[in-house]
C-alpha cells in the first residue's frame, strides 16, 4: 500500500507531481479519490465497515466502495476498479452516475473526491483485507446513525452522505 504512486494536484485539481501514498498522507498533499454508493432496488445503500488493518479510519463504516486514484488514472476508471477490488462488482463506466464532487479539504484528507452511484442487489464478495462487514441500510437510518454516532464513520463518508446520500440521491 505505501508504495502506491498518486498524482499530487494543485488547488484546481490539476496534476503537479507524483508522490507515494505514504508521502501524500504524511505531508498532507492534495490528491484524488472516489466514493461509490451502491443502492439496491429497495432504495437502501450498502455500507462497508473498514478493516482494522486500514491505515485510516480502521473499523469505521464507509461508502460502499472508495479509494484513491492511481497516478494517471481517471476518476470514473478508479470508481469501476474500486467496485471490483472491494466488492467483486463488475460494472461498466456507463452504469455509474456521477452525483458530484467534493473539494480537497481537511475533512477529506486533502482529497478531491468524485462521488458515484450504481445499482446492485448483491451479494458481494468483499476483500477481507479491506472490509470486515457490510450491509444495506435505509437512507433515513444512515442519517440517524450519523447523527447519533458520527465517530462510527470515516470522516469523508459523513461529507459524502450529507451532500449526496440523503434527499433523493438513491437509484434514479
N, C-alpha and C. Protein backbone atom coordinates (compact mmCIF):
# COMPACT_ATOMS: atom_id res chain seq x y z
N UNK A 1 0.80 -1.18 0.00
CA UNK A 1 0.00 0.00 0.00
C UNK A 1 0.86 1.27 0.00
N UNK A 2 1.88 1.31 0.83
CA UNK A 2 2.69 2.51 0.96
C UNK A 2 3.46 2.81 -0.32
N UNK A 3 3.62 1.84 -1.20
CA UNK A 3 4.37 2.05 -2.43
C UNK A 3 3.50 2.54 -3.58
N UNK A 4 2.19 2.67 -3.38
CA UNK A 4 1.33 3.19 -4.44
C UNK A 4 1.78 4.60 -4.79
N UNK A 5 1.67 4.94 -6.07
CA UNK A 5 2.04 6.27 -6.54
C UNK A 5 0.78 7.02 -6.95
N UNK A 6 0.62 8.23 -6.42
CA UNK A 6 -0.54 9.07 -6.70
C UNK A 6 -0.12 10.35 -7.41
N UNK A 7 -1.05 10.92 -8.16
CA UNK A 7 -0.85 12.27 -8.67
C UNK A 7 -1.03 13.23 -7.50
N UNK A 8 -0.12 14.16 -7.36
CA UNK A 8 -0.30 15.29 -6.45
C UNK A 8 -0.91 16.38 -7.31
N UNK A 9 -1.94 17.04 -6.78
CA UNK A 9 -2.66 18.03 -7.58
C UNK A 9 -2.66 19.39 -6.88
N UNK A 10 -2.90 20.43 -7.67
CA UNK A 10 -2.98 21.78 -7.12
C UNK A 10 -4.40 22.09 -6.67
N UNK A 11 -4.65 23.33 -6.27
CA UNK A 11 -5.96 23.71 -5.74
C UNK A 11 -7.07 23.64 -6.79
N UNK A 12 -6.72 23.49 -8.06
CA UNK A 12 -7.71 23.35 -9.13
C UNK A 12 -7.82 21.90 -9.61
N UNK A 13 -7.21 20.96 -8.86
CA UNK A 13 -7.23 19.54 -9.19
C UNK A 13 -6.46 19.21 -10.46
N UNK A 14 -5.40 19.98 -10.72
CA UNK A 14 -4.53 19.72 -11.86
C UNK A 14 -3.25 19.05 -11.36
N UNK A 15 -2.83 17.96 -12.02
CA UNK A 15 -1.60 17.27 -11.59
C UNK A 15 -0.38 18.19 -11.63
N UNK A 16 0.40 18.14 -10.54
CA UNK A 16 1.62 18.94 -10.46
C UNK A 16 2.83 18.09 -10.09
N UNK A 17 2.62 16.80 -9.85
CA UNK A 17 3.73 15.92 -9.49
C UNK A 17 3.23 14.56 -9.08
N UNK A 18 4.16 13.74 -8.61
CA UNK A 18 3.86 12.39 -8.16
C UNK A 18 4.43 12.19 -6.77
N UNK A 19 3.75 11.35 -5.99
CA UNK A 19 4.26 11.03 -4.65
C UNK A 19 3.70 9.68 -4.22
N UNK A 20 4.38 9.05 -3.28
CA UNK A 20 3.89 7.78 -2.74
C UNK A 20 2.68 8.05 -1.84
N UNK A 21 1.91 7.02 -1.63
CA UNK A 21 0.76 7.10 -0.73
C UNK A 21 1.18 7.65 0.63
N UNK A 22 2.25 7.08 1.16
CA UNK A 22 2.74 7.48 2.48
C UNK A 22 3.11 8.97 2.50
N UNK A 23 3.83 9.41 1.48
CA UNK A 23 4.26 10.80 1.41
C UNK A 23 3.06 11.74 1.31
N UNK A 24 2.10 11.40 0.48
CA UNK A 24 0.90 12.22 0.31
C UNK A 24 0.18 12.39 1.65
N UNK A 25 0.03 11.29 2.38
CA UNK A 25 -0.68 11.35 3.65
C UNK A 25 0.13 12.04 4.74
N UNK A 26 1.42 11.73 4.83
CA UNK A 26 2.24 12.33 5.88
C UNK A 26 2.40 13.84 5.70
N UNK A 27 2.48 14.27 4.44
CA UNK A 27 2.72 15.69 4.16
C UNK A 27 1.44 16.47 3.89
N UNK A 28 0.30 15.79 3.87
CA UNK A 28 -0.98 16.47 3.64
C UNK A 28 -1.10 17.07 2.25
N UNK A 29 -0.57 16.34 1.25
CA UNK A 29 -0.62 16.83 -0.13
C UNK A 29 -1.99 16.56 -0.75
N UNK A 30 -2.43 17.45 -1.61
CA UNK A 30 -3.70 17.23 -2.31
C UNK A 30 -3.56 16.08 -3.30
N UNK A 31 -4.59 15.23 -3.32
CA UNK A 31 -4.62 14.10 -4.24
C UNK A 31 -6.07 13.76 -4.53
N UNK A 32 -6.34 12.63 -5.16
CA UNK A 32 -7.68 12.32 -5.66
C UNK A 32 -8.22 11.00 -5.12
N UNK A 33 -9.56 10.96 -4.98
CA UNK A 33 -10.23 9.74 -4.52
C UNK A 33 -11.64 9.68 -5.11
N UNK A 34 -12.21 8.48 -5.01
CA UNK A 34 -13.60 8.26 -5.43
C UNK A 34 -14.35 7.58 -4.30
N UNK A 35 -15.66 7.82 -4.25
CA UNK A 35 -16.58 7.10 -3.38
C UNK A 35 -17.72 6.63 -4.27
N UNK A 36 -18.13 5.38 -4.08
CA UNK A 36 -19.26 4.83 -4.83
C UNK A 36 -20.32 4.38 -3.83
N UNK A 37 -21.55 4.83 -4.06
CA UNK A 37 -22.69 4.42 -3.25
C UNK A 37 -23.48 3.40 -4.06
N UNK A 38 -23.59 2.19 -3.52
CA UNK A 38 -24.32 1.12 -4.19
C UNK A 38 -25.71 1.03 -3.55
N UNK A 39 -26.74 1.20 -4.38
CA UNK A 39 -28.12 1.12 -3.93
C UNK A 39 -28.78 -0.14 -4.48
N UNK A 40 -29.69 -0.71 -3.70
CA UNK A 40 -30.47 -1.85 -4.20
C UNK A 40 -31.83 -1.35 -4.68
N UNK A 41 -32.66 -2.26 -5.15
CA UNK A 41 -33.96 -1.87 -5.71
C UNK A 41 -34.91 -1.33 -4.66
N UNK A 42 -34.64 -1.58 -3.37
CA UNK A 42 -35.46 -1.05 -2.30
C UNK A 42 -35.03 0.37 -1.90
N UNK A 43 -33.99 0.89 -2.56
CA UNK A 43 -33.50 2.22 -2.24
C UNK A 43 -32.55 2.28 -1.08
N UNK A 44 -32.12 1.11 -0.58
CA UNK A 44 -31.15 1.05 0.53
C UNK A 44 -29.74 1.17 -0.04
N UNK A 45 -28.86 1.74 0.77
CA UNK A 45 -27.46 1.90 0.37
C UNK A 45 -26.62 0.86 1.11
N UNK A 46 -25.64 0.29 0.41
CA UNK A 46 -24.73 -0.66 1.01
C UNK A 46 -23.59 0.10 1.68
N UNK A 47 -23.38 -0.16 2.97
CA UNK A 47 -22.25 0.42 3.70
C UNK A 47 -21.25 -0.68 4.02
N UNK A 48 -19.99 -0.34 3.94
CA UNK A 48 -18.93 -1.28 4.32
C UNK A 48 -18.30 -0.82 5.62
N UNK A 49 -17.86 -1.80 6.39
CA UNK A 49 -17.07 -1.50 7.60
C UNK A 49 -15.62 -1.80 7.28
N UNK A 50 -14.80 -0.79 7.41
CA UNK A 50 -13.39 -0.89 7.04
C UNK A 50 -12.64 -1.84 7.98
N UNK A 51 -11.71 -2.56 7.41
CA UNK A 51 -10.87 -3.48 8.17
C UNK A 51 -10.09 -2.71 9.24
N UNK A 52 -9.77 -3.40 10.32
CA UNK A 52 -8.95 -2.81 11.37
C UNK A 52 -7.49 -2.65 10.94
N UNK A 53 -7.10 -3.25 9.81
CA UNK A 53 -5.74 -3.11 9.32
C UNK A 53 -5.57 -1.88 8.41
N UNK A 54 -6.65 -1.16 8.13
CA UNK A 54 -6.56 0.03 7.28
C UNK A 54 -5.76 1.12 7.98
N UNK A 55 -5.02 1.91 7.21
CA UNK A 55 -4.18 2.95 7.81
C UNK A 55 -4.95 4.20 8.18
N UNK A 56 -6.17 4.34 7.67
CA UNK A 56 -7.01 5.46 8.10
C UNK A 56 -8.43 4.96 8.38
N UNK A 57 -9.00 5.47 9.42
CA UNK A 57 -10.38 5.13 9.84
C UNK A 57 -10.62 3.63 9.98
N UNK A 58 -9.71 2.89 10.62
CA UNK A 58 -9.92 1.44 10.78
C UNK A 58 -11.18 1.15 11.58
N UNK A 59 -11.93 0.14 11.15
CA UNK A 59 -13.12 -0.30 11.86
C UNK A 59 -14.33 0.61 11.72
N UNK A 60 -14.21 1.65 10.93
CA UNK A 60 -15.34 2.58 10.77
C UNK A 60 -16.15 2.25 9.52
N UNK A 61 -17.40 2.67 9.53
CA UNK A 61 -18.30 2.47 8.39
C UNK A 61 -18.00 3.51 7.33
N UNK A 62 -18.21 3.11 6.07
CA UNK A 62 -17.80 3.95 4.95
C UNK A 62 -18.71 3.71 3.75
N UNK A 63 -18.44 4.45 2.69
CA UNK A 63 -19.16 4.27 1.43
C UNK A 63 -19.06 2.83 0.97
N UNK A 64 -19.93 2.44 0.06
CA UNK A 64 -19.94 1.08 -0.47
C UNK A 64 -18.55 0.67 -0.95
N UNK A 65 -17.92 1.55 -1.70
CA UNK A 65 -16.55 1.34 -2.18
C UNK A 65 -15.90 2.71 -2.27
N UNK A 66 -14.64 2.77 -1.97
CA UNK A 66 -13.93 4.05 -2.07
C UNK A 66 -12.44 3.77 -2.19
N UNK A 67 -11.73 4.74 -2.71
CA UNK A 67 -10.29 4.57 -2.81
C UNK A 67 -9.64 5.70 -3.58
N UNK A 68 -8.32 5.67 -3.56
CA UNK A 68 -7.51 6.68 -4.24
C UNK A 68 -7.41 6.37 -5.73
N UNK A 69 -7.14 7.40 -6.49
CA UNK A 69 -6.79 7.24 -7.90
C UNK A 69 -5.30 6.95 -7.98
N UNK A 70 -4.92 6.01 -8.82
CA UNK A 70 -3.52 5.79 -9.11
C UNK A 70 -3.03 6.91 -10.03
N UNK A 71 -1.74 7.11 -10.09
CA UNK A 71 -1.18 8.14 -10.96
C UNK A 71 -1.67 7.93 -12.39
N UNK A 72 -2.18 8.99 -13.00
CA UNK A 72 -2.64 8.94 -14.38
C UNK A 72 -4.02 8.36 -14.58
N UNK A 73 -4.65 7.88 -13.52
CA UNK A 73 -5.96 7.24 -13.63
C UNK A 73 -7.08 8.28 -13.63
N UNK A 74 -8.15 8.00 -14.39
CA UNK A 74 -9.32 8.88 -14.41
C UNK A 74 -10.24 8.51 -13.25
N UNK A 75 -11.03 9.49 -12.80
CA UNK A 75 -11.95 9.26 -11.69
C UNK A 75 -12.90 8.10 -11.98
N UNK A 76 -13.54 8.11 -13.12
CA UNK A 76 -14.52 7.08 -13.43
C UNK A 76 -13.87 5.70 -13.50
N UNK A 77 -12.70 5.61 -14.07
CA UNK A 77 -11.97 4.34 -14.11
C UNK A 77 -11.64 3.83 -12.73
N UNK A 78 -11.29 4.75 -11.83
CA UNK A 78 -10.99 4.36 -10.45
C UNK A 78 -12.24 3.84 -9.75
N UNK A 79 -13.39 4.46 -10.02
CA UNK A 79 -14.64 4.01 -9.40
C UNK A 79 -14.97 2.59 -9.85
N UNK A 80 -14.82 2.31 -11.13
CA UNK A 80 -15.07 0.96 -11.65
C UNK A 80 -14.10 -0.04 -11.00
N UNK A 81 -12.82 0.35 -10.90
CA UNK A 81 -11.80 -0.52 -10.31
C UNK A 81 -12.09 -0.79 -8.84
N UNK A 82 -12.42 0.24 -8.08
CA UNK A 82 -12.68 0.06 -6.65
C UNK A 82 -13.89 -0.85 -6.40
N UNK A 83 -14.93 -0.72 -7.21
CA UNK A 83 -16.07 -1.63 -7.07
C UNK A 83 -15.65 -3.08 -7.24
N UNK A 84 -14.80 -3.33 -8.21
CA UNK A 84 -14.32 -4.68 -8.47
C UNK A 84 -13.41 -5.17 -7.34
N UNK A 85 -12.44 -4.34 -6.96
CA UNK A 85 -11.47 -4.75 -5.93
C UNK A 85 -12.12 -4.95 -4.57
N UNK A 86 -13.01 -4.05 -4.17
CA UNK A 86 -13.54 -4.10 -2.82
C UNK A 86 -14.77 -4.98 -2.67
N UNK A 87 -15.65 -4.99 -3.68
CA UNK A 87 -16.92 -5.71 -3.55
C UNK A 87 -17.11 -6.84 -4.54
N UNK A 88 -16.17 -7.01 -5.48
CA UNK A 88 -16.34 -8.03 -6.50
C UNK A 88 -17.41 -7.69 -7.51
N UNK A 89 -17.75 -6.40 -7.62
CA UNK A 89 -18.80 -5.95 -8.55
C UNK A 89 -18.15 -5.55 -9.86
N UNK A 90 -18.56 -6.22 -10.93
CA UNK A 90 -18.10 -5.84 -12.26
C UNK A 90 -19.14 -4.90 -12.85
N UNK A 91 -18.72 -3.68 -13.13
CA UNK A 91 -19.62 -2.67 -13.69
C UNK A 91 -18.91 -1.98 -14.84
N UNK A 92 -19.70 -1.44 -15.74
CA UNK A 92 -19.13 -0.63 -16.81
C UNK A 92 -19.24 0.83 -16.42
N UNK A 93 -18.42 1.64 -17.05
CA UNK A 93 -18.43 3.07 -16.75
C UNK A 93 -19.82 3.65 -16.99
N UNK A 94 -20.53 3.15 -17.99
CA UNK A 94 -21.85 3.66 -18.31
C UNK A 94 -22.91 3.36 -17.26
N UNK A 95 -22.63 2.42 -16.37
CA UNK A 95 -23.59 2.09 -15.31
C UNK A 95 -23.49 3.01 -14.10
N UNK A 96 -22.42 3.77 -14.01
CA UNK A 96 -22.22 4.64 -12.85
C UNK A 96 -22.69 6.05 -13.17
N UNK A 97 -23.44 6.61 -12.25
CA UNK A 97 -23.88 8.01 -12.36
C UNK A 97 -23.02 8.85 -11.44
N UNK A 98 -22.47 9.95 -11.95
CA UNK A 98 -21.72 10.85 -11.08
C UNK A 98 -22.70 11.73 -10.33
N UNK A 99 -22.63 11.70 -9.00
CA UNK A 99 -23.51 12.52 -8.17
C UNK A 99 -22.93 13.90 -7.92
N UNK A 100 -21.60 14.00 -7.91
CA UNK A 100 -20.98 15.29 -7.69
C UNK A 100 -19.57 15.16 -7.17
N UNK A 101 -19.07 16.29 -6.69
CA UNK A 101 -17.67 16.39 -6.29
C UNK A 101 -17.54 17.09 -4.95
N UNK A 102 -16.46 16.74 -4.25
CA UNK A 102 -16.08 17.44 -3.04
C UNK A 102 -14.70 18.04 -3.27
N UNK A 103 -14.51 19.26 -2.77
CA UNK A 103 -13.20 19.91 -2.86
C UNK A 103 -12.26 19.31 -1.82
N UNK A 104 -10.98 19.34 -2.12
CA UNK A 104 -9.98 18.89 -1.15
C UNK A 104 -10.02 19.81 0.07
N UNK A 105 -10.04 19.18 1.24
CA UNK A 105 -10.08 19.94 2.49
C UNK A 105 -9.60 19.01 3.61
N UNK A 106 -9.52 19.55 4.81
CA UNK A 106 -9.06 18.75 5.94
C UNK A 106 -9.96 17.54 6.16
N UNK A 107 -11.28 17.72 6.04
CA UNK A 107 -12.24 16.64 6.30
C UNK A 107 -12.13 15.50 5.30
N UNK A 108 -11.65 15.78 4.09
CA UNK A 108 -11.48 14.72 3.09
C UNK A 108 -10.05 14.18 3.09
N UNK A 109 -9.21 14.65 3.99
CA UNK A 109 -7.81 14.23 3.98
C UNK A 109 -7.06 14.82 2.80
N UNK A 110 -7.46 16.02 2.37
CA UNK A 110 -6.88 16.72 1.22
C UNK A 110 -7.12 15.98 -0.10
N UNK A 111 -8.23 15.26 -0.14
CA UNK A 111 -8.61 14.54 -1.37
C UNK A 111 -9.69 15.32 -2.13
N UNK A 112 -9.49 15.51 -3.42
CA UNK A 112 -10.58 15.89 -4.30
C UNK A 112 -11.36 14.60 -4.51
N UNK A 113 -12.66 14.63 -4.30
CA UNK A 113 -13.47 13.41 -4.33
C UNK A 113 -14.57 13.55 -5.37
N UNK A 114 -14.73 12.52 -6.17
CA UNK A 114 -15.91 12.41 -7.03
C UNK A 114 -16.74 11.25 -6.49
N UNK A 115 -18.04 11.47 -6.46
CA UNK A 115 -18.97 10.51 -5.88
C UNK A 115 -19.87 9.96 -6.98
N UNK A 116 -19.99 8.64 -6.99
CA UNK A 116 -20.80 7.94 -7.99
C UNK A 116 -21.84 7.06 -7.30
N UNK A 117 -22.85 6.68 -8.06
CA UNK A 117 -23.81 5.69 -7.57
C UNK A 117 -24.02 4.66 -8.67
N UNK A 118 -24.37 3.45 -8.20
CA UNK A 118 -24.69 2.34 -9.10
C UNK A 118 -25.73 1.49 -8.39
N UNK A 119 -26.47 0.75 -9.15
CA UNK A 119 -27.50 -0.12 -8.56
C UNK A 119 -27.06 -1.57 -8.69
N UNK A 120 -27.04 -2.25 -7.55
CA UNK A 120 -26.72 -3.67 -7.49
C UNK A 120 -27.46 -4.26 -6.28
N UNK A 121 -27.82 -5.52 -6.40
CA UNK A 121 -28.55 -6.19 -5.33
C UNK A 121 -27.64 -6.99 -4.40
N UNK A 122 -26.44 -7.31 -4.84
CA UNK A 122 -25.60 -8.21 -4.05
C UNK A 122 -25.98 -9.64 -4.39
N UNK A 123 -25.45 -10.62 -3.73
CA UNK A 123 -24.46 -10.49 -2.65
C UNK A 123 -23.11 -10.04 -3.19
N UNK A 124 -22.30 -9.53 -2.30
CA UNK A 124 -20.98 -9.02 -2.68
C UNK A 124 -19.90 -9.93 -2.14
N UNK A 125 -18.78 -9.94 -2.83
CA UNK A 125 -17.59 -10.69 -2.40
C UNK A 125 -16.54 -9.65 -2.00
N UNK A 126 -16.63 -9.22 -0.74
CA UNK A 126 -15.70 -8.16 -0.36
C UNK A 126 -14.33 -8.72 -0.02
N UNK A 127 -13.36 -7.87 -0.18
CA UNK A 127 -11.96 -8.20 0.07
C UNK A 127 -11.72 -8.14 1.57
N UNK A 128 -11.34 -9.26 2.22
CA UNK A 128 -11.23 -9.30 3.68
C UNK A 128 -10.15 -8.38 4.26
N UNK A 129 -9.17 -8.00 3.48
CA UNK A 129 -8.16 -7.06 3.97
C UNK A 129 -8.69 -5.62 3.95
N UNK A 130 -9.76 -5.41 3.20
CA UNK A 130 -10.34 -4.08 3.07
C UNK A 130 -11.58 -3.90 3.94
N UNK A 131 -12.42 -4.96 3.99
CA UNK A 131 -13.76 -4.84 4.57
C UNK A 131 -14.00 -6.00 5.54
N UNK A 132 -14.55 -5.70 6.73
CA UNK A 132 -14.86 -6.76 7.69
C UNK A 132 -16.35 -6.99 7.85
N UNK A 133 -17.16 -6.09 7.33
CA UNK A 133 -18.61 -6.25 7.43
C UNK A 133 -19.25 -5.33 6.40
N UNK A 134 -20.49 -5.61 6.08
CA UNK A 134 -21.22 -4.76 5.16
C UNK A 134 -22.70 -5.08 5.22
N UNK A 135 -23.52 -4.08 4.93
CA UNK A 135 -24.97 -4.29 4.95
C UNK A 135 -25.68 -3.17 4.21
N UNK A 136 -26.88 -3.49 3.72
CA UNK A 136 -27.75 -2.47 3.16
C UNK A 136 -28.48 -1.78 4.29
N UNK A 137 -28.59 -0.46 4.18
CA UNK A 137 -29.23 0.35 5.21
C UNK A 137 -30.14 1.37 4.52
N UNK A 138 -31.32 1.58 5.08
CA UNK A 138 -32.23 2.60 4.56
C UNK A 138 -31.60 3.98 4.72
N UNK A 139 -31.73 4.85 3.72
CA UNK A 139 -31.10 6.18 3.81
C UNK A 139 -31.45 6.96 5.07
N UNK A 140 -32.70 6.91 5.50
CA UNK A 140 -33.07 7.66 6.71
C UNK A 140 -32.36 7.10 7.95
N UNK A 141 -32.09 5.80 7.93
CA UNK A 141 -31.38 5.19 9.05
C UNK A 141 -29.90 5.58 9.04
N UNK A 142 -29.32 5.76 7.86
CA UNK A 142 -27.93 6.21 7.78
C UNK A 142 -27.82 7.60 8.40
N UNK A 143 -28.73 8.49 8.02
CA UNK A 143 -28.71 9.85 8.57
C UNK A 143 -28.86 9.86 10.08
N UNK A 144 -29.77 9.04 10.59
CA UNK A 144 -29.98 8.96 12.04
C UNK A 144 -28.76 8.38 12.73
N UNK A 145 -28.14 7.38 12.13
CA UNK A 145 -26.95 6.75 12.69
C UNK A 145 -25.80 7.75 12.78
N UNK A 146 -25.60 8.52 11.71
CA UNK A 146 -24.54 9.53 11.72
C UNK A 146 -24.82 10.56 12.82
N UNK A 147 -26.08 10.99 12.92
CA UNK A 147 -26.44 11.98 13.94
C UNK A 147 -26.20 11.45 15.35
N UNK A 148 -26.43 10.16 15.55
CA UNK A 148 -26.28 9.55 16.87
C UNK A 148 -24.84 9.22 17.21
N UNK A 149 -24.03 8.85 16.19
CA UNK A 149 -22.66 8.39 16.46
C UNK A 149 -21.76 8.65 15.27
N UNK A 150 -21.46 9.91 15.02
CA UNK A 150 -20.63 10.30 13.87
C UNK A 150 -19.27 9.59 13.89
N UNK A 151 -18.76 9.28 15.08
CA UNK A 151 -17.44 8.65 15.20
C UNK A 151 -17.42 7.22 14.68
N UNK A 152 -18.57 6.64 14.39
CA UNK A 152 -18.63 5.29 13.84
C UNK A 152 -18.29 5.26 12.35
N UNK A 153 -18.16 6.45 11.75
CA UNK A 153 -17.99 6.56 10.30
C UNK A 153 -16.67 7.21 9.93
N UNK A 154 -16.15 6.83 8.77
CA UNK A 154 -14.99 7.52 8.20
C UNK A 154 -15.40 8.97 7.94
N UNK A 155 -14.49 9.90 8.22
CA UNK A 155 -14.82 11.31 8.12
C UNK A 155 -15.33 11.76 6.77
N UNK A 156 -14.66 11.35 5.70
CA UNK A 156 -15.09 11.78 4.37
C UNK A 156 -16.46 11.22 4.03
N UNK A 157 -16.79 10.03 4.55
CA UNK A 157 -18.11 9.46 4.26
C UNK A 157 -19.21 10.38 4.79
N UNK A 158 -19.03 10.95 5.96
CA UNK A 158 -20.05 11.84 6.51
C UNK A 158 -20.31 13.01 5.55
N UNK A 159 -19.26 13.59 4.98
CA UNK A 159 -19.43 14.66 4.00
C UNK A 159 -20.13 14.14 2.75
N UNK A 160 -19.71 12.98 2.26
CA UNK A 160 -20.32 12.38 1.08
C UNK A 160 -21.81 12.18 1.32
N UNK A 161 -22.15 11.61 2.48
CA UNK A 161 -23.55 11.30 2.76
C UNK A 161 -24.38 12.58 2.91
N UNK A 162 -23.84 13.54 3.64
CA UNK A 162 -24.58 14.79 3.85
C UNK A 162 -24.84 15.51 2.54
N UNK A 163 -23.90 15.44 1.61
CA UNK A 163 -24.05 16.15 0.34
C UNK A 163 -24.81 15.36 -0.70
N UNK A 164 -24.58 14.02 -0.74
CA UNK A 164 -25.11 13.25 -1.87
C UNK A 164 -25.97 12.04 -1.50
N UNK A 165 -25.95 11.61 -0.24
CA UNK A 165 -26.64 10.38 0.12
C UNK A 165 -28.10 10.53 0.46
N UNK A 166 -28.42 11.57 1.16
CA UNK A 166 -29.82 11.75 1.56
C UNK A 166 -30.58 12.57 0.53
N UNK A 167 -31.84 12.69 0.76
CA UNK A 167 -32.65 13.59 -0.06
C UNK A 167 -32.73 13.25 -1.52
N UNK A 168 -33.00 12.00 -1.84
CA UNK A 168 -33.27 11.65 -3.23
C UNK A 168 -32.06 11.24 -4.05
N UNK A 169 -30.94 10.95 -3.42
CA UNK A 169 -29.77 10.53 -4.18
C UNK A 169 -29.75 9.04 -4.43
N UNK A 170 -30.81 8.35 -4.06
CA UNK A 170 -30.90 6.91 -4.31
C UNK A 170 -31.01 6.61 -5.78
N UNK A 171 -31.30 5.37 -6.12
CA UNK A 171 -31.32 4.98 -7.52
C UNK A 171 -32.37 5.75 -8.29
N UNK A 172 -31.96 6.30 -9.41
CA UNK A 172 -32.84 7.17 -10.17
C UNK A 172 -33.78 6.50 -11.09
